[in-house]
């Protein structure tokens, strides 16, 4: 019974990721795209966790941590780009 619930949740998370990818491609504005990318990162971490539970292994814990760090850095970079128009400020004298 637990395996069936985990498989159903994996399918739901995969569908949610595809919906968020559509929002990134067709989003009406840049903030919508940033939120959709953050949503993809969170759902991807959750999907890896569910797959880890299905396979009964802890080998994917590092992958989840790495995805979380990359999602955070990506969100910060996109937010900075929306605010200032550049990600890395270069002051040339």
C-alpha atoms as a PDB file:
ATOM      1  CA  UNK A   1       0.000   0.000   0.000  1.00  0.00           C
ATOM      2  CA  UNK A   2       2.818   2.387   0.847  1.00  0.00           C
ATOM      3  CA  UNK A   3       4.561   1.703  -2.453  1.00  0.00           C
ATOM      4  CA  UNK A   4       1.389   2.543  -4.349  1.00  0.00           C
ATOM      5  CA  UNK A   5       1.042   5.853  -2.506  1.00  0.00           C
ATOM      6  CA  UNK A   6       4.675   6.704  -3.172  1.00  0.00           C
ATOM      7  CA  UNK A   7       4.272   5.936  -6.874  1.00  0.00           C
ATOM      8  CA  UNK A   8       1.120   8.064  -7.083  1.00  0.00           C
ATOM      9  CA  UNK A   9       2.885  10.944  -5.351  1.00  0.00           C
ATOM     10  CA  UNK A  10       5.833  10.610  -7.758  1.00  0.00           C
ATOM     11  CA  UNK A  11       3.469  10.875 -10.726  1.00  0.00           C
ATOM     12  CA  UNK A  12       1.743  13.913  -9.209  1.00  0.00           C
ATOM     13  CA  UNK A  13       5.095  15.601  -8.607  1.00  0.00           C
ATOM     14  CA  UNK A  14       6.215  14.852 -12.174  1.00  0.00           C
ATOM     15  CA  UNK A  15       3.008  16.368 -13.569  1.00  0.00           C
ATOM     16  CA  UNK A  16       3.520  19.407 -11.354  1.00  0.00           C
ATOM     17  CA  UNK A  17       7.049  19.823 -12.715  1.00  0.00           C
ATOM     18  CA  UNK A  18       5.778  19.707 -16.306  1.00  0.00           C
ATOM     19  CA  UNK A  19       3.109  22.312 -15.511  1.00  0.00           C
ATOM     20  CA  UNK A  20       5.775  24.564 -13.990  1.00  0.00           C
ATOM     21  CA  UNK A  21       7.987  24.097 -17.072  1.00  0.00           C
ATOM     22  CA  UNK A  22       5.068  25.309 -19.183  1.00  0.00           C
ATOM     23  CA  UNK A  23       4.768  28.358 -16.884  1.00  0.00           C
ATOM     24  CA  UNK A  24       8.473  29.087 -17.346  1.00  0.00           C
ATOM     25  CA  UNK A  25       8.116  28.900 -21.123  1.00  0.00           C
ATOM     26  CA  UNK A  26       4.855  30.842 -21.447  1.00  0.00           C
ATOM     27  CA  UNK A  27       4.835  32.945 -18.279  1.00  0.00           C
ATOM     28  CA  UNK A  28       3.383  36.404 -18.694  1.00  0.00           C
ATOM     29  CA  UNK A  29       6.148  38.141 -16.744  1.00  0.00           C
ATOM     30  CA  UNK A  30       9.640  37.560 -15.394  1.00  0.00           C
ATOM     31  CA  UNK A  31       8.555  37.237 -11.713  1.00  0.00           C
ATOM     32  CA  UNK A  32       6.124  34.483 -12.742  1.00  0.00           C
ATOM     33  CA  UNK A  33       8.990  32.649 -14.398  1.00  0.00           C
ATOM     34  CA  UNK A  34      11.194  33.000 -11.305  1.00  0.00           C
ATOM     35  CA  UNK A  35       8.454  31.590  -9.081  1.00  0.00           C
ATOM     36  CA  UNK A  36       7.910  28.728 -11.536  1.00  0.00           C
ATOM     37  CA  UNK A  37      11.644  27.922 -11.534  1.00  0.00           C
ATOM     38  CA  UNK A  38      11.645  27.900  -7.737  1.00  0.00           C
ATOM     39  CA  UNK A  39       8.605  25.629  -7.851  1.00  0.00           C
ATOM     40  CA  UNK A  40      10.445  23.272 -10.209  1.00  0.00           C
ATOM     41  CA  UNK A  41      13.377  23.122  -7.791  1.00  0.00           C
ATOM     42  CA  UNK A  42      11.181  22.328  -4.800  1.00  0.00           C
ATOM     43  CA  UNK A  43       9.182  19.715  -6.692  1.00  0.00           C
ATOM     44  CA  UNK A  44      12.358  18.138  -8.046  1.00  0.00           C
ATOM     45  CA  UNK A  45      13.766  17.828  -4.530  1.00  0.00           C
ATOM     46  CA  UNK A  46      10.495  16.238  -3.418  1.00  0.00           C
ATOM     47  CA  UNK A  47      10.527  13.852  -6.380  1.00  0.00           C
ATOM     48  CA  UNK A  48      14.075  12.742  -5.572  1.00  0.00           C
ATOM     49  CA  UNK A  49      13.008  12.184  -1.947  1.00  0.00           C
ATOM     50  CA  UNK A  50      10.055  10.053  -3.048  1.00  0.00           C
ATOM     51  CA  UNK A  51      12.276   8.024  -5.396  1.00  0.00           C
ATOM     52  CA  UNK A  52      14.710   7.573  -2.513  1.00  0.00           C
ATOM     53  CA  UNK A  53      11.866   6.215  -0.379  1.00  0.00           C
ATOM     54  CA  UNK A  54      10.692   3.909  -3.165  1.00  0.00           C
ATOM     55  CA  UNK A  55      14.196   2.490  -3.633  1.00  0.00           C
ATOM     56  CA  UNK A  56      14.765   2.398   0.157  1.00  0.00           C
ATOM     57  CA  UNK A  57      18.177   4.054  -0.045  1.00  0.00           C
ATOM     58  CA  UNK A  58      19.832   7.134   1.392  1.00  0.00           C
ATOM     59  CA  UNK A  59      22.104   7.600  -1.615  1.00  0.00           C
ATOM     60  CA  UNK A  60      20.059  10.533  -2.904  1.00  0.00           C
ATOM     61  CA  UNK A  61      20.401  12.749   0.181  1.00  0.00           C
ATOM     62  CA  UNK A  62      23.406  14.563  -1.284  1.00  0.00           C
ATOM     63  CA  UNK A  63      21.521  15.076  -4.544  1.00  0.00           C
ATOM     64  CA  UNK A  64      18.614  16.667  -2.674  1.00  0.00           C
ATOM     65  CA  UNK A  65      20.989  18.970  -0.802  1.00  0.00           C
ATOM     66  CA  UNK A  66      22.739  19.992  -4.019  1.00  0.00           C
ATOM     67  CA  UNK A  67      19.411  20.676  -5.754  1.00  0.00           C
ATOM     68  CA  UNK A  68      18.319  22.823  -2.818  1.00  0.00           C
ATOM     69  CA  UNK A  69      21.497  24.881  -2.935  1.00  0.00           C
ATOM     70  CA  UNK A  70      21.254  25.337  -6.713  1.00  0.00           C
ATOM     71  CA  UNK A  71      17.583  26.322  -6.502  1.00  0.00           C
ATOM     72  CA  UNK A  72      18.388  28.914  -3.838  1.00  0.00           C
ATOM     73  CA  UNK A  73      21.277  30.395  -5.826  1.00  0.00           C
ATOM     74  CA  UNK A  74      19.150  30.490  -8.963  1.00  0.00           C
ATOM     75  CA  UNK A  75      16.304  32.264  -7.184  1.00  0.00           C
ATOM     76  CA  UNK A  76      18.658  34.850  -5.716  1.00  0.00           C
ATOM     77  CA  UNK A  77      20.338  35.442  -9.089  1.00  0.00           C
ATOM     78  CA  UNK A  78      17.049  35.862 -10.945  1.00  0.00           C
ATOM     79  CA  UNK A  79      15.697  38.163  -8.239  1.00  0.00           C
ATOM     80  CA  UNK A  80      18.803  40.312  -8.481  1.00  0.00           C
ATOM     81  CA  UNK A  81      18.470  40.372 -12.272  1.00  0.00           C
ATOM     82  CA  UNK A  82      14.840  41.497 -12.024  1.00  0.00           C
ATOM     83  CA  UNK A  83      15.716  44.213  -9.512  1.00  0.00           C
ATOM     84  CA  UNK A  84      18.856  45.692 -11.098  1.00  0.00           C
ATOM     85  CA  UNK A  85      19.044  44.286 -14.624  1.00  0.00           C
ATOM     86  CA  UNK A  86      22.415  42.603 -14.023  1.00  0.00           C
ATOM     87  CA  UNK A  87      23.492  39.690 -11.887  1.00  0.00           C
ATOM     88  CA  UNK A  88      27.146  40.621 -11.339  1.00  0.00           C
ATOM     89  CA  UNK A  89      27.951  44.284 -10.899  1.00  0.00           C
ATOM     90  CA  UNK A  90      31.238  45.326 -12.446  1.00  0.00           C
ATOM     91  CA  UNK A  91      32.552  48.687 -11.385  1.00  0.00           C
ATOM     92  CA  UNK A  92      35.109  49.920 -13.862  1.00  0.00           C
ATOM     93  CA  UNK A  93      37.061  53.017 -13.021  1.00  0.00           C
END
